């Protein structure tokens, strides 16, 4: 894949605004592990390799288990996620797929059962921010680091 452009070089003031939003959602009080799960799940849905690479690494560094990362795309079928995480992941999926879901009342009710009003706003900002990052990375063809050797060549 060939990168299309460097958004930071092309529009530094706009990207600084995104970084401020990112800093705000990172510091808003939601659990770091929850923030990373939300970022990874939205990035999986959107197919953003750059963001999946970044946020799985960040999650691992923060102590997230490999098992929970591997099972995240099937979180509904796994007992490894707390009720609060499940509510956040359902809301993440609903908002990331907003054109199809229209943010169902059931998902909102579950969200409100585990998050205060302020936390619901913070989570929604987080979901919006990662969706913007996904669109920047996918749209401009950002390429994730490739320091790992592909499994097919490692076995040779």
Protein backbone atom coordinates (compact mmCIF):
# COMPACT_ATOMS: atom_id res chain seq x y z
CA UNK A 1 0.00 0.00 0.00
CA UNK A 2 1.26 3.45 -0.88
CA UNK A 3 0.43 6.33 1.48
CA UNK A 4 -1.58 9.11 -0.18
CA UNK A 5 -0.53 12.02 2.01
CA UNK A 6 0.70 12.99 5.45
CA UNK A 7 -2.25 14.70 7.14
CA UNK A 8 0.00 16.24 9.79
CA UNK A 9 2.15 17.91 7.14
CA UNK A 10 -0.80 18.90 4.93
CA UNK A 11 -2.99 20.44 7.66
CA UNK A 12 -1.04 20.78 10.91
CA UNK A 13 -3.57 23.03 12.68
CA UNK A 14 -6.43 20.65 11.93
CA UNK A 15 -4.43 17.66 13.10
CA UNK A 16 -3.44 19.53 16.27
CA UNK A 17 -7.16 19.97 16.98
CA UNK A 18 -7.59 16.20 16.58
CA UNK A 19 -4.69 15.59 18.94
CA UNK A 20 -6.35 17.86 21.52
CA UNK A 21 -9.57 15.85 21.22
CA UNK A 22 -7.53 12.65 21.55
CA UNK A 23 -5.84 13.97 24.68
CA UNK A 24 -9.20 14.94 26.14
CA UNK A 25 -10.75 11.51 25.60
CA UNK A 26 -7.60 9.83 26.94
CA UNK A 27 -7.80 11.94 30.12
CA UNK A 28 -11.59 12.01 30.56
CA UNK A 29 -11.66 9.48 33.39
CA UNK A 30 -12.75 6.36 31.52
CA UNK A 31 -10.64 3.30 32.26
CA UNK A 32 -7.58 3.01 30.02
CA UNK A 33 -8.36 -0.64 29.26
CA UNK A 34 -11.90 0.29 28.19
CA UNK A 35 -10.61 3.11 25.98
CA UNK A 36 -8.27 0.71 24.16
CA UNK A 37 -10.97 -1.96 23.72
CA UNK A 38 -13.29 0.63 22.18
CA UNK A 39 -10.57 1.91 19.86
CA UNK A 40 -9.66 -1.59 18.75
CA UNK A 41 -13.27 -2.68 18.20
CA UNK A 42 -14.19 0.38 16.12
CA UNK A 43 -10.99 -0.06 14.13
CA UNK A 44 -11.83 -3.73 13.51
CA UNK A 45 -15.27 -2.78 12.20
CA UNK A 46 -13.79 -0.08 9.95
CA UNK A 47 -10.93 -2.31 8.79
CA UNK A 48 -8.20 0.12 9.88
CA UNK A 49 -4.98 -1.89 10.06
CA UNK A 50 -2.96 1.14 11.16
CA UNK A 51 -5.21 1.77 14.18
CA UNK A 52 -5.61 -1.92 15.07
CA UNK A 53 -1.83 -2.25 15.08
CA UNK A 54 -1.38 0.85 17.25
CA UNK A 55 -4.11 0.15 19.78
CA UNK A 56 -3.43 -3.55 20.28
CA UNK A 57 0.19 -2.62 21.06
CA UNK A 58 -0.97 0.13 23.44
CA UNK A 59 -3.39 -2.27 25.12
CA UNK A 60 -0.69 -4.92 25.57
CA UNK A 61 1.70 -2.35 27.06
CA UNK A 62 -1.04 -1.38 29.52
CA UNK A 63 -1.47 -5.01 30.60
CA UNK A 64 -4.32 -6.22 28.38
CA UNK A 65 -4.26 -9.98 27.81
CA UNK A 66 -3.70 -11.60 24.46
CA UNK A 67 -6.81 -13.73 24.97
CA UNK A 68 -9.10 -10.69 25.34
CA UNK A 69 -7.51 -9.03 22.32
CA UNK A 70 -7.95 -12.15 20.18
CA UNK A 71 -11.58 -12.56 21.21
CA UNK A 72 -12.59 -8.92 20.93
CA UNK A 73 -14.25 -9.31 17.53
CA UNK A 74 -16.44 -12.03 19.12
CA UNK A 75 -16.99 -10.31 22.47
CA UNK A 76 -20.69 -11.18 22.54
CA UNK A 77 -19.80 -14.89 22.66
CA UNK A 78 -17.07 -14.59 25.29
CA UNK A 79 -17.39 -14.34 29.08
CA UNK A 80 -14.10 -12.40 29.31
CA UNK A 81 -15.68 -8.93 29.19
CA UNK A 82 -17.42 -7.21 32.09
CA UNK A 83 -21.00 -5.91 31.84
CA UNK A 84 -19.63 -2.36 31.64
CA UNK A 85 -17.25 -3.33 28.82
CA UNK A 86 -20.09 -5.11 27.02
CA UNK A 87 -22.27 -2.01 27.21
CA UNK A 88 -19.40 0.12 25.85
CA UNK A 89 -18.67 -2.34 23.04
CA UNK A 90 -22.34 -2.51 22.03
CA UNK A 91 -22.48 1.31 21.98
CA UNK A 92 -19.24 1.36 19.97
CA UNK A 93 -20.71 -0.97 17.38
CA UNK A 94 -24.01 0.93 17.26
CA UNK A 95 -22.33 4.30 16.71
CA UNK A 96 -19.65 3.02 14.35
CA UNK A 97 -22.40 1.45 12.21
CA UNK A 98 -24.80 4.36 12.79
CA UNK A 99 -26.25 4.33 9.24
CA UNK A 100 -27.45 0.77 9.82
CA UNK A 101 -28.27 0.79 13.54
CA UNK A 102 -29.56 4.30 14.29
CA UNK A 103 -28.28 3.81 17.88
CA UNK A 104 -30.95 1.42 19.19
CA UNK A 105 -32.81 2.16 22.40
CA UNK A 106 -31.70 -1.21 23.82
CA UNK A 107 -28.04 -0.33 23.41
CA UNK A 108 -28.59 3.10 24.96
CA UNK A 109 -30.49 1.59 27.91
CA UNK A 110 -27.65 -0.87 28.50
CA UNK A 111 -25.12 1.97 28.25
CA UNK A 112 -27.02 4.02 30.83
CA UNK A 113 -27.15 1.04 33.15
CA UNK A 114 -23.35 1.11 33.42
CA UNK A 115 -22.30 4.69 32.63
CA UNK A 116 -23.23 8.05 34.13
CA UNK A 117 -24.53 10.73 31.79
CA UNK A 118 -21.10 12.38 31.71
CA UNK A 119 -19.40 9.04 31.01
CA UNK A 120 -21.89 8.32 28.21
CA UNK A 121 -20.88 11.62 26.59
CA UNK A 122 -17.18 10.88 27.10
CA UNK A 123 -17.58 7.40 25.62
CA UNK A 124 -19.47 8.82 22.65
CA UNK A 125 -16.69 11.37 22.05
CA UNK A 126 -14.15 8.54 22.25
CA UNK A 127 -16.08 6.51 19.67
CA UNK A 128 -16.40 9.55 17.42
CA UNK A 129 -12.69 10.31 17.71
CA UNK A 130 -11.52 6.80 16.82
CA UNK A 131 -13.89 6.77 13.86
CA UNK A 132 -12.32 10.04 12.65
CA UNK A 133 -8.81 8.59 13.13
CA UNK A 134 -9.87 5.48 11.19
CA UNK A 135 -11.11 7.64 8.32
CA UNK A 136 -7.88 9.63 8.27
CA UNK A 137 -5.71 6.50 8.33
CA UNK A 138 -7.77 4.57 5.78
CA UNK A 139 -8.52 7.53 3.52
CA UNK A 140 -4.90 8.64 3.30
CA UNK A 141 -3.56 5.05 3.33
CA UNK A 142 -1.45 5.28 6.48
CA UNK A 143 0.79 2.24 6.73
CA UNK A 144 1.43 0.67 10.12
CA UNK A 145 4.99 -0.22 11.15
CA UNK A 146 6.17 -3.57 9.80
CA UNK A 147 9.06 -4.51 12.04
CA UNK A 148 7.63 -8.03 12.49
CA UNK A 149 8.64 -10.80 10.13
CA UNK A 150 5.62 -12.40 8.41
CA UNK A 151 4.88 -15.91 9.71
CA UNK A 152 5.29 -17.40 6.23
CA UNK A 153 8.91 -16.23 6.02
CA UNK A 154 9.75 -16.91 9.66
CA UNK A 155 9.09 -20.64 9.24
CA UNK A 156 11.51 -20.94 6.28
